[in-house]
């Protein structure tokens, strides 16, 4: 969870969008005003 918090803290944005499907799929973080910004978080199971 800290990697997601670190990413959000360093974006410098007040509004972001996080698209989630399920626990086996990636999460997509985007900035509503910037169509070129995409941050993908992949799930990892150990």
PDB file of N, CA and C in Angstrom:
ATOM      1  N   UNK A   1       0.823  -1.198   0.000  1.00  0.00           N
ATOM      2  CA  UNK A   1       0.000   0.000   0.000  1.00  0.00           C
ATOM      3  C   UNK A   1       0.861   1.253   0.000  1.00  0.00           C
ATOM      4  N   UNK A   2       2.044   1.194   0.588  1.00  0.00           N
ATOM      5  CA  UNK A   2       2.888   2.394   0.656  1.00  0.00           C
ATOM      6  C   UNK A   2       3.323   2.871  -0.722  1.00  0.00           C
ATOM      7  N   UNK A   3       3.508   1.969  -1.674  1.00  0.00           N
ATOM      8  CA  UNK A   3       3.908   2.392  -3.025  1.00  0.00           C
ATOM      9  C   UNK A   3       2.808   3.211  -3.691  1.00  0.00           C
ATOM     10  N   UNK A   4       1.561   2.908  -3.398  1.00  0.00           N
ATOM     11  CA  UNK A   4       0.453   3.687  -3.945  1.00  0.00           C
ATOM     12  C   UNK A   4       0.358   5.049  -3.258  1.00  0.00           C
ATOM     13  N   UNK A   5       0.547   5.080  -1.961  1.00  0.00           N
ATOM     14  CA  UNK A   5       0.533   6.344  -1.217  1.00  0.00           C
ATOM     15  C   UNK A   5       1.686   7.230  -1.667  1.00  0.00           C
ATOM     16  N   UNK A   6       2.867   6.657  -1.863  1.00  0.00           N
ATOM     17  CA  UNK A   6       4.023   7.428  -2.345  1.00  0.00           C
ATOM     18  C   UNK A   6       3.749   8.026  -3.720  1.00  0.00           C
ATOM     19  N   UNK A   7       3.154   7.262  -4.606  1.00  0.00           N
ATOM     20  CA  UNK A   7       2.842   7.761  -5.950  1.00  0.00           C
ATOM     21  C   UNK A   7       1.859   8.921  -5.876  1.00  0.00           C
ATOM     22  N   UNK A   8       0.808   8.776  -5.088  1.00  0.00           N
ATOM     23  CA  UNK A   8      -0.194   9.836  -4.964  1.00  0.00           C
ATOM     24  C   UNK A   8       0.398  11.092  -4.336  1.00  0.00           C
ATOM     25  N   UNK A   9       1.276  10.924  -3.368  1.00  0.00           N
ATOM     26  CA  UNK A   9       1.888  12.073  -2.701  1.00  0.00           C
ATOM     27  C   UNK A   9       2.797  12.853  -3.637  1.00  0.00           C
ATOM     28  N   UNK A  10       3.414  12.190  -4.601  1.00  0.00           N
ATOM     29  CA  UNK A  10       4.359  12.840  -5.506  1.00  0.00           C
ATOM     30  C   UNK A  10       3.736  13.351  -6.797  1.00  0.00           C
ATOM     31  N   UNK A  11       2.449  13.152  -6.990  1.00  0.00           N
ATOM     32  CA  UNK A  11       1.784  13.629  -8.202  1.00  0.00           C
ATOM     33  C   UNK A  11       1.544  15.126  -8.175  1.00  0.00           C
ATOM     34  N   UNK A  12       1.376  15.697  -7.008  1.00  0.00           N
ATOM     35  CA  UNK A  12       1.129  17.130  -6.913  1.00  0.00           C
ATOM     36  C   UNK A  12      -0.247  17.535  -7.414  1.00  0.00           C
ATOM     37  N   UNK A  13      -1.210  16.638  -7.332  1.00  0.00           N
ATOM     38  CA  UNK A  13      -2.572  16.900  -7.815  1.00  0.00           C
ATOM     39  C   UNK A  13      -3.558  16.768  -6.663  1.00  0.00           C
ATOM     40  N   UNK A  14      -4.613  17.558  -6.712  1.00  0.00           N
ATOM     41  CA  UNK A  14      -5.671  17.419  -5.716  1.00  0.00           C
ATOM     42  C   UNK A  14      -6.694  16.365  -6.120  1.00  0.00           C
ATOM     43  N   UNK A  15      -6.812  16.108  -7.421  1.00  0.00           N
ATOM     44  CA  UNK A  15      -7.817  15.166  -7.912  1.00  0.00           C
ATOM     45  C   UNK A  15      -7.147  14.132  -8.807  1.00  0.00           C
ATOM     46  N   UNK A  16      -7.334  12.854  -8.478  1.00  0.00           N
ATOM     47  CA  UNK A  16      -6.871  11.752  -9.319  1.00  0.00           C
ATOM     48  C   UNK A  16      -8.014  10.752  -9.448  1.00  0.00           C
ATOM     49  N   UNK A  17      -7.892   9.903 -10.444  1.00  0.00           N
ATOM     50  CA  UNK A  17      -8.887   8.847 -10.638  1.00  0.00           C
ATOM     51  C   UNK A  17      -8.172   7.511 -10.523  1.00  0.00           C
ATOM     52  N   UNK A  18      -8.739   6.589  -9.750  1.00  0.00           N
ATOM     53  CA  UNK A  18      -8.179   5.252  -9.588  1.00  0.00           C
ATOM     54  C   UNK A  18      -9.226   4.252 -10.066  1.00  0.00           C
ATOM     55  N   UNK A  19      -8.897   3.529 -11.125  1.00  0.00           N
ATOM     56  CA  UNK A  19      -9.792   2.508 -11.675  1.00  0.00           C
ATOM     57  C   UNK A  19      -9.338   1.138 -11.183  1.00  0.00           C
ATOM     58  N   UNK A  20     -10.238   0.451 -10.488  1.00  0.00           N
ATOM     59  CA  UNK A  20      -9.958  -0.877  -9.940  1.00  0.00           C
ATOM     60  C   UNK A  20     -10.968  -1.870 -10.493  1.00  0.00           C
ATOM     61  N   UNK A  21     -10.522  -3.073 -10.779  1.00  0.00           N
ATOM     62  CA  UNK A  21     -11.426  -4.128 -11.246  1.00  0.00           C
ATOM     63  C   UNK A  21     -11.641  -5.163 -10.139  1.00  0.00           C
ATOM     64  N   UNK A  22     -10.584  -5.888  -9.809  1.00  0.00           N
ATOM     65  CA  UNK A  22     -10.630  -6.898  -8.755  1.00  0.00           C
ATOM     66  C   UNK A  22      -9.218  -7.085  -8.216  1.00  0.00           C
ATOM     67  N   UNK A  23      -9.045  -7.996  -7.268  1.00  0.00           N
ATOM     68  CA  UNK A  23      -7.744  -8.161  -6.618  1.00  0.00           C
ATOM     69  C   UNK A  23      -6.690  -8.785  -7.527  1.00  0.00           C
ATOM     70  N   UNK A  24      -7.077  -9.328  -8.663  1.00  0.00           N
ATOM     71  CA  UNK A  24      -6.126  -9.942  -9.590  1.00  0.00           C
ATOM     72  C   UNK A  24      -5.768  -9.052 -10.769  1.00  0.00           C
ATOM     73  N   UNK A  25      -6.371  -7.890 -10.875  1.00  0.00           N
ATOM     74  CA  UNK A  25      -6.151  -6.988 -12.008  1.00  0.00           C
ATOM     75  C   UNK A  25      -5.344  -5.770 -11.582  1.00  0.00           C
ATOM     76  N   UNK A  26      -4.750  -5.122 -12.563  1.00  0.00           N
ATOM     77  CA  UNK A  26      -3.981  -3.914 -12.280  1.00  0.00           C
ATOM     78  C   UNK A  26      -4.913  -2.756 -11.938  1.00  0.00           C
ATOM     79  N   UNK A  27      -4.356  -1.772 -11.255  1.00  0.00           N
ATOM     80  CA  UNK A  27      -5.074  -0.530 -10.967  1.00  0.00           C
ATOM     81  C   UNK A  27      -4.497   0.545 -11.874  1.00  0.00           C
ATOM     82  N   UNK A  28      -5.349   1.404 -12.394  1.00  0.00           N
ATOM     83  CA  UNK A  28      -4.915   2.487 -13.269  1.00  0.00           C
ATOM     84  C   UNK A  28      -5.201   3.816 -12.581  1.00  0.00           C
ATOM     85  N   UNK A  29      -4.145   4.593 -12.366  1.00  0.00           N
ATOM     86  CA  UNK A  29      -4.273   5.912 -11.751  1.00  0.00           C
ATOM     87  C   UNK A  29      -4.075   6.947 -12.848  1.00  0.00           C
ATOM     88  N   UNK A  30      -5.039   7.844 -13.004  1.00  0.00           N
ATOM     89  CA  UNK A  30      -4.954   8.896 -14.016  1.00  0.00           C
ATOM     90  C   UNK A  30      -5.269  10.242 -13.378  1.00  0.00           C
ATOM     91  N   UNK A  31      -4.866  11.301 -14.074  1.00  0.00           N
ATOM     92  CA  UNK A  31      -5.184  12.666 -13.673  1.00  0.00           C
ATOM     93  C   UNK A  31      -6.253  13.160 -14.645  1.00  0.00           C
ATOM     94  N   UNK A  32      -7.413  13.581 -14.137  1.00  0.00           N
ATOM     95  CA  UNK A  32      -8.514  13.967 -15.032  1.00  0.00           C
ATOM     96  C   UNK A  32      -8.156  15.051 -16.057  1.00  0.00           C
ATOM     97  N   UNK A  33      -7.290  15.996 -15.716  1.00  0.00           N
ATOM     98  CA  UNK A  33      -6.947  17.094 -16.624  1.00  0.00           C
ATOM     99  C   UNK A  33      -5.767  16.792 -17.540  1.00  0.00           C
ATOM    100  N   UNK A  34      -5.166  15.597 -17.414  1.00  0.00           N
ATOM    101  CA  UNK A  34      -3.977  15.254 -18.197  1.00  0.00           C
ATOM    102  C   UNK A  34      -4.191  13.895 -18.860  1.00  0.00           C
ATOM    103  N   UNK A  35      -4.565  13.904 -20.122  1.00  0.00           N
ATOM    104  CA  UNK A  35      -4.864  12.660 -20.840  1.00  0.00           C
ATOM    105  C   UNK A  35      -3.627  11.797 -21.077  1.00  0.00           C
ATOM    106  N   UNK A  36      -2.429  12.360 -20.938  1.00  0.00           N
ATOM    107  CA  UNK A  36      -1.197  11.623 -21.206  1.00  0.00           C
ATOM    108  C   UNK A  36      -0.643  10.913 -19.979  1.00  0.00           C
ATOM    109  N   UNK A  37      -1.111  11.256 -18.785  1.00  0.00           N
ATOM    110  CA  UNK A  37      -0.572  10.664 -17.560  1.00  0.00           C
ATOM    111  C   UNK A  37      -1.313   9.380 -17.221  1.00  0.00           C
ATOM    112  N   UNK A  38      -0.557   8.294 -17.073  1.00  0.00           N
ATOM    113  CA  UNK A  38      -1.113   7.014 -16.638  1.00  0.00           C
ATOM    114  C   UNK A  38      -0.101   6.351 -15.713  1.00  0.00           C
ATOM    115  N   UNK A  39      -0.574   5.875 -14.579  1.00  0.00           N
ATOM    116  CA  UNK A  39       0.266   5.180 -13.613  1.00  0.00           C
ATOM    117  C   UNK A  39      -0.404   3.839 -13.344  1.00  0.00           C
ATOM    118  N   UNK A  40       0.279   2.753 -13.656  1.00  0.00           N
ATOM    119  CA  UNK A  40      -0.289   1.415 -13.511  1.00  0.00           C
ATOM    120  C   UNK A  40       0.335   0.736 -12.302  1.00  0.00           C
ATOM    121  N   UNK A  41      -0.524   0.183 -11.447  1.00  0.00           N
ATOM    122  CA  UNK A  41      -0.074  -0.566 -10.273  1.00  0.00           C
ATOM    123  C   UNK A  41      -0.500  -2.015 -10.478  1.00  0.00           C
ATOM    124  N   UNK A  42       0.493  -2.896 -10.505  1.00  0.00           N
ATOM    125  CA  UNK A  42       0.226  -4.313 -10.735  1.00  0.00           C
ATOM    126  C   UNK A  42       0.167  -5.063  -9.405  1.00  0.00           C
ATOM    127  N   UNK A  43      -0.768  -5.993  -9.271  1.00  0.00           N
ATOM    128  CA  UNK A  43      -0.835  -6.794  -8.045  1.00  0.00           C
ATOM    129  C   UNK A  43       0.299  -7.817  -8.024  1.00  0.00           C
ATOM    130  N   UNK A  44       0.774  -8.127  -6.828  1.00  0.00           N
ATOM    131  CA  UNK A  44       1.838  -9.109  -6.681  1.00  0.00           C
ATOM    132  C   UNK A  44       1.475 -10.041  -5.530  1.00  0.00           C
ATOM    133  N   UNK A  45       1.528 -11.294  -5.785  1.00  0.00           N
ATOM    134  CA  UNK A  45       1.264 -12.285  -4.737  1.00  0.00           C
ATOM    135  C   UNK A  45       2.548 -13.053  -4.464  1.00  0.00           C
ATOM    136  N   UNK A  46       2.807 -13.249  -3.195  1.00  0.00           N
ATOM    137  CA  UNK A  46       4.026 -13.976  -2.801  1.00  0.00           C
ATOM    138  C   UNK A  46       3.640 -15.271  -2.119  1.00  0.00           C
TER     139      UNK A  46
END
